[in-house]
Amino acid sequence: MCAMIVLRSTQDIRKVSLWLGHSDLATTEIYTRADPTEKLEALNAIVPLHLRRGSFRPSDKVIAMLRAKP
């Protein structure tokens, strides 16, 4: 995960490679492939707005119906 922080900060995989002490960039790429934060951001970017978490707003009719039930 630290490799991803350095990559985000510098935007340069060569600096990450030097920081990790790798002689080959292909080795460094293994560490930078699976960033869960970036994966979640990518998934959230393609989810329609009406399906995103926290976007549901019940109508007054629904609220009234729920309050009327014992």
C-alpha atoms as a PDB file:
ATOM      1  CA  MET A   1       0.000   0.000   0.000  1.00  0.00           C
ATOM      2  CA  CYS A   2       2.894   2.388   0.663  1.00  0.00           C
ATOM      3  CA  ALA A   3       3.999   1.942  -2.933  1.00  0.00           C
ATOM      4  CA  MET A   4       0.626   3.273  -4.048  1.00  0.00           C
ATOM      5  CA  ILE A   5       0.959   6.328  -1.807  1.00  0.00           C
ATOM      6  CA  VAL A   6       4.336   7.138  -3.356  1.00  0.00           C
ATOM      7  CA  LEU A   7       2.949   6.530  -6.845  1.00  0.00           C
ATOM      8  CA  ARG A   8      -0.020   8.838  -6.228  1.00  0.00           C
ATOM      9  CA  SER A   9       2.248  11.507  -4.777  1.00  0.00           C
ATOM     10  CA  THR A  10       4.926  11.426  -7.455  1.00  0.00           C
ATOM     11  CA  GLN A  11       2.973  10.067 -10.455  1.00  0.00           C
ATOM     12  CA  ASP A  12       6.246   8.362 -11.417  1.00  0.00           C
ATOM     13  CA  ILE A  13       6.613   4.587 -11.191  1.00  0.00           C
ATOM     14  CA  ARG A  14      10.379   4.921 -11.559  1.00  0.00           C
ATOM     15  CA  LYS A  15      10.553   6.744  -8.221  1.00  0.00           C
ATOM     16  CA  VAL A  16       8.497   3.974  -6.634  1.00  0.00           C
ATOM     17  CA  SER A  17      10.874   1.426  -8.132  1.00  0.00           C
ATOM     18  CA  LEU A  18      13.890   3.247  -6.689  1.00  0.00           C
ATOM     19  CA  TRP A  19      12.167   3.605  -3.304  1.00  0.00           C
ATOM     20  CA  LEU A  20      11.470  -0.147  -3.205  1.00  0.00           C
ATOM     21  CA  GLY A  21      14.952  -0.997  -4.480  1.00  0.00           C
ATOM     22  CA  HIS A  22      13.772  -2.801  -7.611  1.00  0.00           C
ATOM     23  CA  SER A  23      16.074  -3.111 -10.580  1.00  0.00           C
ATOM     24  CA  ASP A  24      13.195  -3.802 -12.988  1.00  0.00           C
ATOM     25  CA  LEU A  25      10.008  -1.759 -13.424  1.00  0.00           C
ATOM     26  CA  ALA A  26       8.044  -4.956 -14.113  1.00  0.00           C
ATOM     27  CA  THR A  27       8.606  -5.961 -10.490  1.00  0.00           C
ATOM     28  CA  THR A  28       7.320  -2.604  -9.269  1.00  0.00           C
ATOM     29  CA  GLU A  29       4.211  -2.862 -11.447  1.00  0.00           C
ATOM     30  CA  ILE A  30       3.135  -5.923  -9.459  1.00  0.00           C
ATOM     31  CA  TYR A  31       2.935  -3.753  -6.343  1.00  0.00           C
ATOM     32  CA  THR A  32       0.961  -1.025  -8.070  1.00  0.00           C
ATOM     33  CA  ARG A  33      -1.648  -3.117  -9.877  1.00  0.00           C
ATOM     34  CA  ALA A  34      -4.130  -3.872  -7.109  1.00  0.00           C
ATOM     35  CA  ASP A  35      -4.971  -0.658  -5.309  1.00  0.00           C
ATOM     36  CA  PRO A  36      -8.406  -1.206  -3.738  1.00  0.00           C
ATOM     37  CA  THR A  37      -9.028   2.526  -3.411  1.00  0.00           C
ATOM     38  CA  GLU A  38      -8.611   3.089  -7.126  1.00  0.00           C
ATOM     39  CA  LYS A  39     -10.775   0.076  -7.912  1.00  0.00           C
ATOM     40  CA  LEU A  40     -13.579   1.422  -5.716  1.00  0.00           C
ATOM     41  CA  GLU A  41     -13.283   4.864  -7.306  1.00  0.00           C
ATOM     42  CA  ALA A  42     -13.529   3.308 -10.758  1.00  0.00           C
ATOM     43  CA  LEU A  43     -16.575   1.261  -9.775  1.00  0.00           C
ATOM     44  CA  ASN A  44     -18.288   4.266  -8.209  1.00  0.00           C
ATOM     45  CA  ALA A  45     -17.658   6.270 -11.353  1.00  0.00           C
ATOM     46  CA  ILE A  46     -19.729   3.861 -13.457  1.00  0.00           C
ATOM     47  CA  VAL A  47     -22.601   3.340 -10.999  1.00  0.00           C
ATOM     48  CA  PRO A  48     -25.642   5.385 -12.016  1.00  0.00           C
ATOM     49  CA  LEU A  49     -26.429   8.233  -9.623  1.00  0.00           C
ATOM     50  CA  HIS A  50     -29.802   6.812  -8.631  1.00  0.00           C
ATOM     51  CA  LEU A  51     -28.112   3.579  -7.463  1.00  0.00           C
ATOM     52  CA  ARG A  52     -25.332   5.157  -5.422  1.00  0.00           C
ATOM     53  CA  ARG A  53     -25.310   4.650  -1.699  1.00  0.00           C
ATOM     54  CA  GLY A  54     -27.164   7.281   0.258  1.00  0.00           C
ATOM     55  CA  SER A  55     -29.099   8.672  -2.690  1.00  0.00           C
ATOM     56  CA  PHE A  56     -32.516   7.163  -1.800  1.00  0.00           C
ATOM     57  CA  ARG A  57     -35.021   9.720  -0.580  1.00  0.00           C
ATOM     58  CA  PRO A  58     -38.441   8.274   0.285  1.00  0.00           C
ATOM     59  CA  SER A  59     -41.446  10.288  -0.763  1.00  0.00           C
ATOM     60  CA  ASP A  60     -43.814  11.842   1.769  1.00  0.00           C
ATOM     61  CA  LYS A  61     -46.369   9.171   0.862  1.00  0.00           C
ATOM     62  CA  VAL A  62     -43.931   6.370   1.819  1.00  0.00           C
ATOM     63  CA  ILE A  63     -43.021   8.081   5.093  1.00  0.00           C
ATOM     64  CA  ALA A  64     -46.709   8.528   5.952  1.00  0.00           C
ATOM     65  CA  MET A  65     -47.415   4.879   5.186  1.00  0.00           C
ATOM     66  CA  LEU A  66     -44.551   3.713   7.417  1.00  0.00           C
ATOM     67  CA  ARG A  67     -45.646   5.936  10.283  1.00  0.00           C
ATOM     68  CA  ALA A  68     -49.257   4.721  10.042  1.00  0.00           C
ATOM     69  CA  LYS A  69     -48.326   1.061  10.600  1.00  0.00           C
ATOM     70  CA  PRO A  70     -48.340  -0.104  14.249  1.00  0.00           C
END
